Protein backbone atom coordinates (compact mmCIF):
# COMPACT_ATOMS: atom_id res chain seq x y z
CA PHE A 1 -28.08 -11.45 -153.80
CA ALA A 2 -29.13 -9.32 -150.84
CA ALA A 3 -30.26 -9.77 -147.26
CA ALA A 4 -31.55 -7.48 -144.52
CA GLY A 5 -33.37 -7.53 -141.22
CA ALA A 6 -33.78 -6.03 -137.77
CA ASP A 7 -30.38 -4.32 -137.78
CA ARG A 8 -31.68 -1.93 -140.51
CA THR A 9 -28.78 -2.73 -142.86
CA VAL A 10 -29.16 -4.09 -146.40
CA ARG A 11 -26.25 -6.31 -147.35
CA VAL A 12 -25.38 -7.04 -150.98
CA TYR A 13 -23.30 -10.15 -151.69
CA GLY A 14 -21.50 -11.32 -154.81
CA ILE A 15 -23.58 -13.97 -156.56
CA THR A 16 -20.62 -16.22 -157.35
CA SER A 17 -18.26 -15.36 -154.49
CA GLY A 18 -20.85 -15.11 -151.73
CA LYS A 19 -18.73 -12.35 -150.23
CA LEU A 20 -20.14 -9.13 -148.83
CA GLU A 21 -19.82 -6.34 -151.40
CA HIS A 22 -21.82 -3.52 -149.82
CA ALA A 23 -23.52 -2.73 -146.51
CA LEU A 24 -26.26 -0.17 -147.24
CA THR A 25 -27.48 1.89 -144.32
CA GLY A 26 -30.20 4.48 -143.92
CA HIS A 27 -33.34 2.69 -142.76
CA LYS A 28 -34.57 3.82 -139.34
CA ALA A 29 -36.42 0.56 -138.54
CA ALA A 30 -36.19 -3.13 -139.41
CA VAL A 31 -36.09 -3.94 -143.13
CA THR A 32 -38.94 -6.32 -143.95
CA SER A 33 -38.63 -6.66 -147.73
CA LEU A 34 -36.11 -6.54 -150.56
CA VAL A 35 -36.61 -6.89 -154.29
CA PHE A 36 -34.26 -6.53 -157.25
CA LEU A 37 -35.89 -4.38 -159.94
CA SER A 38 -33.05 -5.01 -162.39
CA ASN A 39 -29.52 -6.43 -162.23
CA ASP A 40 -28.28 -3.34 -160.44
CA ARG A 41 -31.39 -1.69 -158.94
CA LEU A 42 -32.59 -2.83 -155.53
CA ALA A 43 -35.57 -1.67 -153.47
CA SER A 44 -35.86 -2.13 -149.71
CA ALA A 45 -38.69 -1.34 -147.33
CA GLY A 46 -39.64 -1.75 -143.74
CA GLY A 47 -40.96 -0.37 -140.51
CA ASP A 48 -39.81 3.19 -141.20
CA LYS A 49 -42.56 3.56 -143.88
CA VAL A 50 -39.99 4.29 -146.58
CA ILE A 51 -39.03 2.44 -149.76
CA LYS A 52 -35.38 3.03 -150.52
CA LEU A 53 -33.85 2.58 -153.95
CA TRP A 54 -30.24 1.50 -154.19
CA ASP A 55 -27.67 1.00 -156.92
CA ALA A 56 -26.60 -2.48 -155.82
CA LYS A 57 -23.49 -2.55 -158.02
CA ALA A 58 -22.14 0.79 -156.81
CA GLY A 59 -23.44 0.39 -153.27
CA THR A 60 -25.10 3.80 -153.28
CA HIS A 61 -28.46 5.21 -152.24
CA VAL A 62 -30.49 6.49 -155.21
CA ARG A 63 -33.58 7.95 -153.55
CA ASP A 64 -36.34 7.51 -151.00
CA LEU A 65 -39.97 6.87 -151.89
CA GLU A 66 -42.27 8.11 -149.19
CA GLY A 67 -46.02 8.28 -148.71
CA HIS A 68 -46.94 5.32 -146.56
CA THR A 69 -48.37 6.08 -143.13
CA ALA A 70 -47.49 2.67 -141.72
CA ALA A 71 -44.82 0.00 -142.22
CA VAL A 72 -44.18 -1.37 -145.70
CA LEU A 73 -44.37 -5.13 -145.26
CA ALA A 74 -43.58 -6.61 -148.69
CA LEU A 75 -42.33 -5.77 -152.17
CA ALA A 76 -42.56 -7.97 -155.26
CA ALA A 77 -41.65 -7.33 -158.89
CA GLY A 78 -42.34 -9.23 -162.08
CA ASP A 79 -43.52 -8.93 -165.67
CA GLY A 80 -46.93 -7.76 -164.44
CA GLY A 81 -45.49 -4.85 -162.54
CA LEU A 82 -44.66 -4.07 -158.94
CA VAL A 83 -46.72 -4.99 -155.89
CA ILE A 84 -46.23 -3.02 -152.69
CA ARG A 85 -47.92 -4.21 -149.50
CA GLY A 86 -48.05 -1.84 -146.58
CA GLN A 87 -50.04 -1.91 -143.38
CA ASP A 88 -51.90 1.12 -144.72
CA LYS A 89 -52.43 0.29 -148.41
CA VAL A 90 -51.65 -2.08 -151.26
CA TRP A 91 -50.50 -1.05 -154.73
CA LEU A 92 -50.94 -3.77 -157.33
CA GLY A 93 -49.42 -4.21 -160.75
CA VAL A 94 -47.68 -0.88 -161.20
CA LYS A 95 -46.38 -1.26 -164.76
CA SER A 96 -42.66 -0.89 -165.27
CA ASN A 97 -43.04 2.08 -167.63
CA ASP A 98 -45.06 3.96 -165.00
CA CYS A 99 -43.16 2.64 -162.03
CA PRO A 100 -41.33 5.23 -159.91
CA TYR A 101 -39.39 2.35 -158.36
CA ARG A 102 -37.07 1.71 -161.34
């Protein structure tokens, strides 16, 4: 599982041990949302207007997804696709095959 907040750090913990496995840094503002896209792929977003993709198992940054002009407030993923809620726009139901966030 993962947690993040005002300190701009995403922390990944072992699901069975509960111990910190990785501290992922790079956001320039508070992190407001996290979502696992697969067992090892994690997306984070926040006040810096950037969605960051991480390899949660390796603890490495994969890439940044930019384009918002205001904070990204929430991320959600499911069978219907990905929902991204920013202060500037909302993207609904981006299908996994078309999703740049995988």
